[in-house]
Protein backbone atom coordinates (compact mmCIF):
# COMPACT_ATOMS: atom_id res chain seq x y z
CA MET A 1 0.00 0.00 0.00
CA SER A 2 1.30 3.44 -0.95
CA LYS A 3 0.72 6.02 1.74
CA PRO A 4 0.31 9.60 0.46
CA ILE A 5 2.69 12.09 2.04
CA LEU A 6 3.01 15.85 1.77
CA LYS A 7 6.37 16.45 0.12
CA GLY A 8 6.17 20.22 -0.25
CA ILE A 9 4.13 23.42 -0.28
CA ASP A 10 4.91 26.13 -2.79
CA PHE A 11 3.75 29.68 -3.48
CA GLY A 12 5.92 30.65 -6.42
CA LYS A 13 9.14 32.32 -5.36
CA GLU A 14 7.77 33.40 -1.98
CA ASP A 15 9.32 32.06 1.21
CA LEU A 16 6.21 30.95 3.07
CA SER A 17 7.99 31.09 6.43
CA VAL A 18 8.16 34.91 6.17
CA PHE A 19 5.33 35.65 3.72
CA VAL A 20 2.70 38.17 4.81
CA PRO A 21 -0.22 38.96 2.50
CA GLU A 22 -0.41 42.59 1.35
CA ILE A 23 -3.75 42.98 3.16
CA PRO A 24 -3.53 40.39 5.98
CA HIS A 25 -7.27 40.29 6.75
CA ASN A 26 -8.45 40.35 3.11
CA PHE A 27 -6.61 38.00 0.75
CA CYS A 28 -6.83 34.89 -1.36
CA ILE A 29 -3.77 32.95 -2.50
CA TRP A 30 -3.34 29.56 -4.15
CA LEU A 31 -0.77 27.14 -2.82
CA THR A 32 0.69 24.28 -4.83
CA LEU A 33 1.06 21.07 -2.87
CA SER A 34 3.42 18.25 -3.82
CA ILE A 35 1.86 15.03 -2.59
CA GLY A 36 3.14 11.61 -3.53
CA PRO A 37 3.27 8.01 -2.44
CA ASP A 38 5.76 7.27 0.31
CA ASP A 39 7.28 4.45 -1.76
CA ALA A 40 8.11 6.62 -4.81
CA GLU A 41 10.38 9.57 -5.53
CA GLY A 42 7.93 11.74 -7.46
CA SER A 43 4.80 13.55 -6.51
CA HIS A 44 1.61 14.90 -7.99
CA PHE A 45 0.62 18.54 -7.85
CA PHE A 46 -2.50 19.68 -6.06
CA GLN A 47 -3.69 23.22 -5.42
CA VAL A 48 -5.71 24.76 -2.62
CA GLY A 49 -6.94 28.31 -2.18
CA ILE A 50 -6.38 30.02 1.14
CA CYS A 51 -8.65 32.99 1.81
CA THR A 52 -10.15 35.07 4.60
CA THR A 53 -13.81 35.61 5.37
CA MET A 54 -13.35 39.30 4.51
CA TRP A 55 -12.13 38.34 1.03
CA LEU A 56 -15.17 36.07 0.64
CA ALA A 57 -17.52 38.86 1.78
CA HIS A 58 -15.90 41.29 -0.66
CA GLN A 59 -16.23 38.82 -3.55
CA LEU A 60 -19.84 38.12 -2.59
CA SER A 61 -20.66 41.84 -2.55
CA ILE A 62 -19.33 42.11 -6.12
CA LYS A 63 -20.59 38.86 -7.64
CA LYS A 64 -23.71 38.28 -5.49
CA ILE A 65 -23.04 34.51 -5.53
CA LEU A 66 -19.98 32.32 -5.00
CA THR A 67 -19.42 28.69 -5.88
CA LEU A 68 -16.34 27.46 -4.04
CA ARG A 69 -14.28 24.33 -4.29
CA HIS A 70 -10.80 23.45 -3.05
CA MET A 71 -10.63 26.34 -0.59
CA MET A 72 -9.56 26.74 3.02
CA ILE A 73 -11.02 29.66 4.98
CA VAL A 74 -8.69 31.26 7.53
CA GLU A 75 -8.73 34.15 9.99
CA ASN A 76 -5.21 35.16 9.03
CA PHE A 77 -2.18 33.75 7.25
CA ASN A 78 -0.58 31.25 9.62
CA ILE A 79 1.56 28.90 7.55
CA ALA A 80 2.21 26.59 10.51
CA LEU A 81 -1.53 26.04 11.06
CA ILE A 82 -2.20 25.77 7.32
CA THR A 83 0.59 23.20 6.90
CA LYS A 84 -0.65 21.23 9.92
CA THR A 85 -4.19 21.14 8.56
CA ILE A 86 -3.06 20.11 5.08
CA GLY A 87 -0.91 17.37 6.64
CA GLU A 88 -3.89 16.10 8.64
CA ILE A 89 -5.99 15.95 5.46
CA VAL A 90 -3.23 14.06 3.63
CA ASP A 91 -2.86 11.63 6.57
CA SER A 92 -6.61 11.02 6.64
CA SER A 93 -6.67 10.20 2.91
CA VAL A 94 -4.83 6.89 3.25
CA ARG A 95 -6.71 4.13 1.44
CA SER A 96 -5.77 0.72 0.08
CA SER A 97 -4.26 2.16 -3.14
CA TRP A 98 -2.76 5.41 -4.39
CA ASP A 99 -5.69 5.91 -6.80
CA GLU A 100 -8.20 5.58 -3.95
CA SER A 101 -6.18 8.01 -1.83
CA VAL A 102 -6.15 10.54 -4.67
CA GLN A 103 -9.94 10.39 -4.86
CA VAL A 104 -10.10 11.45 -1.21
CA LEU A 105 -7.49 14.19 -1.72
CA CYS A 106 -9.57 15.58 -4.61
CA ARG A 107 -12.36 16.35 -2.17
CA TYR A 108 -10.10 19.02 -0.65
CA PHE A 109 -7.52 19.93 -3.27
CA SER A 110 -7.51 20.45 -7.02
CA TRP A 111 -5.42 17.68 -8.63
CA GLU A 112 -3.34 18.31 -11.75
CA TYR A 113 -4.88 15.25 -13.46
CA GLU A 114 -8.47 15.81 -12.35
CA ASP A 115 -10.83 15.11 -15.27
CA TYR A 116 -7.92 13.75 -17.36
CA GLN A 117 -9.05 10.93 -19.59
CA VAL A 118 -6.88 8.63 -21.65
């Protein structure tokens, strides 16, 4: 059985350990997650949006309706808490095969191969 593990979190060239959003209480950013099986070198890319309730309220006031998927709502940007939560989701996605684990991960994160058909 391949256990999915979080191999990295990326936000372009930003160093997430010191990153502070321009408007800390009103932002939305997209993180790229590298998640792969523990018995293989590579990983797959997933994305998740991180936004505040103020950003959601602002978007709602403009658009009048929002349809959200693959988002985490936060009070402020706390990379330690975000990383911990993502890790807990990855840990809870363990199933009997990598493909089954990916199906669980897709409930929370956008997968690079989602909707890909051969």
